[in-house]
C-alpha atoms as a PDB file:
ATOM      1  CA  ASP A   1      19.096  29.488 131.709  1.00  0.00           C
ATOM      2  CA  VAL A   2      22.141  31.261 133.022  1.00  0.00           C
ATOM      3  CA  CYS A   3      23.523  34.203 131.049  1.00  0.00           C
ATOM      4  CA  SER A   4      27.260  33.497 130.183  1.00  0.00           C
ATOM      5  CA  SER A   5      28.386  36.917 131.504  1.00  0.00           C
ATOM      6  CA  ASP A   6      27.148  35.811 134.966  1.00  0.00           C
ATOM      7  CA  LEU A   7      29.410  32.720 134.929  1.00  0.00           C
ATOM      8  CA  ALA A   8      32.946  32.489 136.308  1.00  0.00           C
ATOM      9  CA  LEU A   9      35.540  31.959 133.621  1.00  0.00           C
ATOM     10  CA  LEU A  10      37.223  28.494 133.822  1.00  0.00           C
ATOM     11  CA  LEU A  11      40.278  28.701 131.622  1.00  0.00           C
ATOM     12  CA  LEU A  12      41.814  25.303 130.816  1.00  0.00           C
ATOM     13  CA  VAL A  13      45.571  25.110 130.165  1.00  0.00           C
ATOM     14  CA  PRO A  14      46.564  21.851 128.514  1.00  0.00           C
ATOM     15  CA  GLY A  15      49.663  19.800 128.859  1.00  0.00           C
ATOM     16  CA  LEU A  16      52.683  18.866 126.739  1.00  0.00           C
ATOM     17  CA  GLY A  17      51.924  18.485 123.086  1.00  0.00           C
ATOM     18  CA  TRP A  18      48.258  19.509 123.214  1.00  0.00           C
ATOM     19  CA  ASN A  19      48.343  21.904 120.304  1.00  0.00           C
ATOM     20  CA  CYS A  20      50.022  19.117 118.239  1.00  0.00           C
ATOM     21  CA  PHE A  21      47.088  16.754 118.526  1.00  0.00           C
ATOM     22  CA  SER A  22      44.127  18.823 119.756  1.00  0.00           C
ATOM     23  CA  ASP A  23      42.276  18.342 116.461  1.00  0.00           C
ATOM     24  CA  TRP A  24      42.198  14.547 117.089  1.00  0.00           C
ATOM     25  CA  LEU A  25      40.004  15.060 120.157  1.00  0.00           C
ATOM     26  CA  ASP A  26      36.633  16.783 120.245  1.00  0.00           C
ATOM     27  CA  ILE A  27      36.412  18.803 123.474  1.00  0.00           C
ATOM     28  CA  SER A  28      33.547  21.012 122.235  1.00  0.00           C
ATOM     29  CA  GLY A  29      30.832  18.450 123.114  1.00  0.00           C
ATOM     30  CA  SER A  30      28.826  18.204 126.280  1.00  0.00           C
ATOM     31  CA  GLY A  31      31.678  18.870 128.764  1.00  0.00           C
ATOM     32  CA  PRO A  32      31.579  22.668 128.609  1.00  0.00           C
ATOM     33  CA  ARG A  33      27.813  22.731 128.512  1.00  0.00           C
ATOM     34  CA  HIS A  34      27.617  20.371 131.465  1.00  0.00           C
ATOM     35  CA  VAL A  35      30.086  22.517 133.547  1.00  0.00           C
ATOM     36  CA  ALA A  36      28.169  25.698 132.567  1.00  0.00           C
ATOM     37  CA  GLN A  37      25.155  24.374 134.518  1.00  0.00           C
ATOM     38  CA  PHE A  38      27.283  24.811 137.641  1.00  0.00           C
ATOM     39  CA  GLY A  39      28.259  28.417 136.926  1.00  0.00           C
ATOM     40  CA  TYR A  40      31.372  28.187 134.687  1.00  0.00           C
ATOM     41  CA  ASP A  41      32.119  29.479 131.247  1.00  0.00           C
ATOM     42  CA  VAL A  42      34.850  27.146 129.956  1.00  0.00           C
ATOM     43  CA  ARG A  43      37.530  28.205 127.438  1.00  0.00           C
ATOM     44  CA  MET A  44      40.753  26.705 126.251  1.00  0.00           C
ATOM     45  CA  VAL A  45      43.972  28.785 126.658  1.00  0.00           C
ATOM     46  CA  PRO A  46      46.214  28.287 123.544  1.00  0.00           C
ATOM     47  CA  VAL A  47      49.701  27.560 124.742  1.00  0.00           C
ATOM     48  CA  ASP A  48      52.694  25.981 122.954  1.00  0.00           C
ATOM     49  CA  GLY A  49      52.804  22.298 123.773  1.00  0.00           C
ATOM     50  CA  LEU A  50      56.529  22.075 123.107  1.00  0.00           C
ATOM     51  CA  SER A  51      57.589  25.189 125.032  1.00  0.00           C
ATOM     52  CA  SER A  52      58.773  25.821 128.609  1.00  0.00           C
ATOM     53  CA  SER A  53      56.528  26.722 131.461  1.00  0.00           C
ATOM     54  CA  ALA A  54      58.021  30.211 131.394  1.00  0.00           C
ATOM     55  CA  ASN A  55      57.054  30.659 127.745  1.00  0.00           C
ATOM     56  CA  ASN A  56      53.552  29.305 128.358  1.00  0.00           C
ATOM     57  CA  ALA A  57      53.111  31.443 131.463  1.00  0.00           C
ATOM     58  CA  ARG A  58      53.622  34.480 129.226  1.00  0.00           C
ATOM     59  CA  MET A  59      51.034  33.076 126.767  1.00  0.00           C
ATOM     60  CA  ILE A  60      48.519  32.565 129.572  1.00  0.00           C
ATOM     61  CA  SER A  61      49.007  36.148 130.811  1.00  0.00           C
ATOM     62  CA  GLU A  62      48.631  37.488 127.255  1.00  0.00           C
ATOM     63  CA  PHE A  63      45.465  35.448 126.699  1.00  0.00           C
ATOM     64  CA  VAL A  64      43.821  36.796 129.866  1.00  0.00           C
ATOM     65  CA  ALA A  65      44.963  40.376 129.083  1.00  0.00           C
ATOM     66  CA  ALA A  66      43.306  40.063 125.626  1.00  0.00           C
ATOM     67  CA  LEU A  67      39.939  38.882 126.935  1.00  0.00           C
ATOM     68  CA  PRO A  68      37.041  40.991 125.847  1.00  0.00           C
ATOM     69  CA  GLU A  69      36.013  43.967 127.995  1.00  0.00           C
ATOM     70  CA  ALA A  70      32.812  42.085 128.877  1.00  0.00           C
ATOM     71  CA  ASP A  71      34.972  39.605 130.780  1.00  0.00           C
ATOM     72  CA  ALA A  72      36.855  42.246 132.769  1.00  0.00           C
ATOM     73  CA  ASP A  73      35.069  41.794 136.085  1.00  0.00           C
ATOM     74  CA  ARG A  74      34.484  38.066 135.920  1.00  0.00           C
ATOM     75  CA  PRO A  75      36.375  35.789 138.355  1.00  0.00           C
ATOM     76  CA  ILE A  76      38.881  33.545 136.728  1.00  0.00           C
ATOM     77  CA  ILE A  77      39.742  29.981 137.575  1.00  0.00           C
ATOM     78  CA  LEU A  78      42.760  28.482 135.943  1.00  0.00           C
ATOM     79  CA  ALA A  79      42.705  24.691 135.513  1.00  0.00           C
ATOM     80  CA  GLY A  80      45.898  22.975 134.301  1.00  0.00           C
ATOM     81  CA  TYR A  81      46.180  19.461 133.008  1.00  0.00           C
ATOM     82  CA  SER A  82      49.599  17.793 133.515  1.00  0.00           C
ATOM     83  CA  LYS A  83      52.233  20.381 132.401  1.00  0.00           C
ATOM     84  CA  GLY A  84      49.519  22.991 132.303  1.00  0.00           C
ATOM     85  CA  ALA A  85      49.631  23.109 136.134  1.00  0.00           C
ATOM     86  CA  PRO A  86      53.269  24.305 136.404  1.00  0.00           C
ATOM     87  CA  ASP A  87      52.617  26.637 133.463  1.00  0.00           C
ATOM     88  CA  ILE A  88      49.832  28.229 135.475  1.00  0.00           C
ATOM     89  CA  MET A  89      51.913  28.361 138.639  1.00  0.00           C
ATOM     90  CA  GLU A  90      54.696  30.283 136.774  1.00  0.00           C
ATOM     91  CA  ALA A  91      52.074  32.589 135.224  1.00  0.00           C
ATOM     92  CA  VAL A  92      50.520  33.697 138.587  1.00  0.00           C
ATOM     93  CA  VAL A  93      53.981  34.247 140.078  1.00  0.00           C
ATOM     94  CA  SER A  94      55.509  36.033 137.103  1.00  0.00           C
ATOM     95  CA  TYR A  95      52.497  38.161 136.114  1.00  0.00           C
ATOM     96  CA  PRO A  96      50.878  39.939 139.137  1.00  0.00           C
ATOM     97  CA  GLU A  97      48.272  41.543 136.950  1.00  0.00           C
ATOM     98  CA  LEU A  98      47.139  38.098 135.954  1.00  0.00           C
ATOM     99  CA  ALA A  99      47.270  36.851 139.540  1.00  0.00           C
ATOM    100  CA  ASP A 100      45.043  39.736 140.665  1.00  0.00           C
ATOM    101  CA  ARG A 101      42.247  38.374 138.443  1.00  0.00           C
ATOM    102  CA  VAL A 102      42.590  34.668 139.456  1.00  0.00           C
ATOM    103  CA  VAL A 103      40.463  33.349 142.297  1.00  0.00           C
ATOM    104  CA  ALA A 104      41.529  29.694 142.063  1.00  0.00           C
ATOM    105  CA  VAL A 105      43.973  27.260 140.435  1.00  0.00           C
ATOM    106  CA  VAL A 106      42.937  23.625 139.872  1.00  0.00           C
ATOM    107  CA  SER A 107      45.595  21.070 139.104  1.00  0.00           C
ATOM    108  CA  ILE A 108      44.222  18.122 137.050  1.00  0.00           C
ATOM    109  CA  ALA A 109      46.811  15.376 137.207  1.00  0.00           C
ATOM    110  CA  GLY A 110      49.259  18.294 137.440  1.00  0.00           C
ATOM    111  CA  ALA A 111      52.985  17.846 137.161  1.00  0.00           C
ATOM    112  CA  VAL A 112      53.500  20.222 140.020  1.00  0.00           C
ATOM    113  CA  HIS A 113      56.762  18.557 141.059  1.00  0.00           C
ATOM    114  CA  GLY A 114      57.549  17.502 137.446  1.00  0.00           C
ATOM    115  CA  SER A 115      57.510  14.053 136.018  1.00  0.00           C
ATOM    116  CA  PRO A 116      60.212  11.355 136.496  1.00  0.00           C
ATOM    117  CA  LEU A 117      59.604  10.524 132.831  1.00  0.00           C
ATOM    118  CA  ALA A 118      61.217  13.788 131.887  1.00  0.00           C
ATOM    119  CA  ASP A 119      64.544  12.725 133.481  1.00  0.00           C
ATOM    120  CA  ASP A 120      64.863   9.958 130.892  1.00  0.00           C
ATOM    121  CA  ALA A 121      63.649  11.992 127.950  1.00  0.00           C
ATOM    122  CA  ASP A 122      64.851  14.849 125.819  1.00  0.00           C
ATOM    123  CA  GLN A 123      63.193  17.574 123.790  1.00  0.00           C
ATOM    124  CA  ALA A 124      63.911  15.787 120.492  1.00  0.00           C
ATOM    125  CA  GLN A 125      61.531  13.029 121.579  1.00  0.00           C
ATOM    126  CA  ALA A 126      58.807  15.470 122.381  1.00  0.00           C
ATOM    127  CA  ASN A 127      59.475  17.261 119.078  1.00  0.00           C
ATOM    128  CA  MET A 128      58.594  14.023 117.231  1.00  0.00           C
ATOM    129  CA  LEU A 129      54.971  15.123 117.714  1.00  0.00           C
ATOM    130  CA  THR A 130      55.582  17.637 114.912  1.00  0.00           C
ATOM    131  CA  ILE A 131      56.023  14.877 112.328  1.00  0.00           C
ATOM    132  CA  VAL A 132      52.920  12.807 113.238  1.00  0.00           C
ATOM    133  CA  PRO A 133      50.410  13.056 110.418  1.00  0.00           C
ATOM    134  CA  GLY A 134      47.825  15.740 111.230  1.00  0.00           C
ATOM    135  CA  SER A 135      50.060  17.432 113.772  1.00  0.00           C
ATOM    136  CA  LYS A 136      49.330  21.184 114.268  1.00  0.00           C
ATOM    137  CA  CYS A 137      52.574  22.119 115.948  1.00  0.00           C
ATOM    138  CA  GLU A 138      56.016  23.187 114.757  1.00  0.00           C
ATOM    139  CA  GLU A 139      59.335  23.034 116.537  1.00  0.00           C
ATOM    140  CA  GLU A 140      59.964  26.721 115.601  1.00  0.00           C
ATOM    141  CA  ASP A 141      56.765  27.938 117.383  1.00  0.00           C
ATOM    142  CA  GLY A 142      58.224  28.453 120.874  1.00  0.00           C
ATOM    143  CA  ASP A 143      61.370  27.839 122.899  1.00  0.00           C
ATOM    144  CA  ASN A 144      61.441  24.098 122.684  1.00  0.00           C
ATOM    145  CA  ASP A 145      61.992  23.585 126.356  1.00  0.00           C
ATOM    146  CA  ALA A 146      58.935  21.626 127.532  1.00  0.00           C
ATOM    147  CA  VAL A 147      60.741  18.491 128.620  1.00  0.00           C
ATOM    148  CA  ASN A 148      63.288  20.435 130.706  1.00  0.00           C
ATOM    149  CA  SER A 149      60.375  22.277 132.379  1.00  0.00           C
ATOM    150  CA  LEU A 150      59.024  18.922 133.526  1.00  0.00           C
ATOM    151  CA  LYS A 151      62.231  17.629 135.200  1.00  0.00           C
ATOM    152  CA  PRO A 152      61.586  17.121 138.922  1.00  0.00           C
ATOM    153  CA  ALA A 153      64.838  18.926 139.888  1.00  0.00           C
ATOM    154  CA  VAL A 154      63.779  21.992 137.720  1.00  0.00           C
ATOM    155  CA  ARG A 155      60.217  22.044 139.242  1.00  0.00           C
ATOM    156  CA  ASP A 156      61.418  21.543 142.808  1.00  0.00           C
ATOM    157  CA  LYS A 157      63.994  24.358 142.379  1.00  0.00           C
ATOM    158  CA  TRP A 158      61.323  26.619 140.985  1.00  0.00           C
ATOM    159  CA  LEU A 159      58.952  25.806 143.884  1.00  0.00           C
ATOM    160  CA  ALA A 160      61.726  26.473 146.463  1.00  0.00           C
ATOM    161  CA  GLU A 161      62.501  29.876 144.901  1.00  0.00           C
ATOM    162  CA  ASN A 162      59.001  31.139 144.338  1.00  0.00           C
ATOM    163  CA  THR A 163      56.000  31.878 146.472  1.00  0.00           C
ATOM    164  CA  LEU A 164      52.485  31.385 145.072  1.00  0.00           C
ATOM    165  CA  PRO A 165      50.118  34.309 145.569  1.00  0.00           C
ATOM    166  CA  ALA A 166      48.309  33.828 148.883  1.00  0.00           C
ATOM    167  CA  HIS A 167      44.934  35.230 147.782  1.00  0.00           C
ATOM    168  CA  ILE A 168      44.480  32.390 145.220  1.00  0.00           C
ATOM    169  CA  ARG A 169      42.907  29.077 146.371  1.00  0.00           C
ATOM    170  CA  TYR A 170      44.711  26.021 145.067  1.00  0.00           C
ATOM    171  CA  TYR A 171      43.090  22.583 144.398  1.00  0.00           C
ATOM    172  CA  SER A 172      44.294  19.299 143.133  1.00  0.00           C
END
């Protein structure tokens, strides 16, 4: 058995709407235990599924800053699903203290260049997730700009204006 303090931290950043419907899916099962066999301690980063990448970047940075002292020297891998990928990218650019702790970023079906679906959508449509029975999100929780953050023109402009930290390894 591997001691959890010897494992790298794999922090998962979910996509649009995750906190709205996360209770509908059970991610606590065998996935994290399976991945731990390969040297990773998997944790979910709580972000606002209806907020912008900039807002969620702040939340990622705050989550990492609040990790227990026992985790201070552990390497961090950030894995982003869908919108979680651009949220992570903004986090490592905007928060150098976070970037210093990150050794790798993994995009899982990441919306790195946005999504063409966002061009034909608006935030009001995403906010409909708040009225689905059992939803755990509220429009008032964040900045309500998730859909705009996913527009290809917004993502491409951000990519053109920002340089990702060179010491981090990036995977897709």
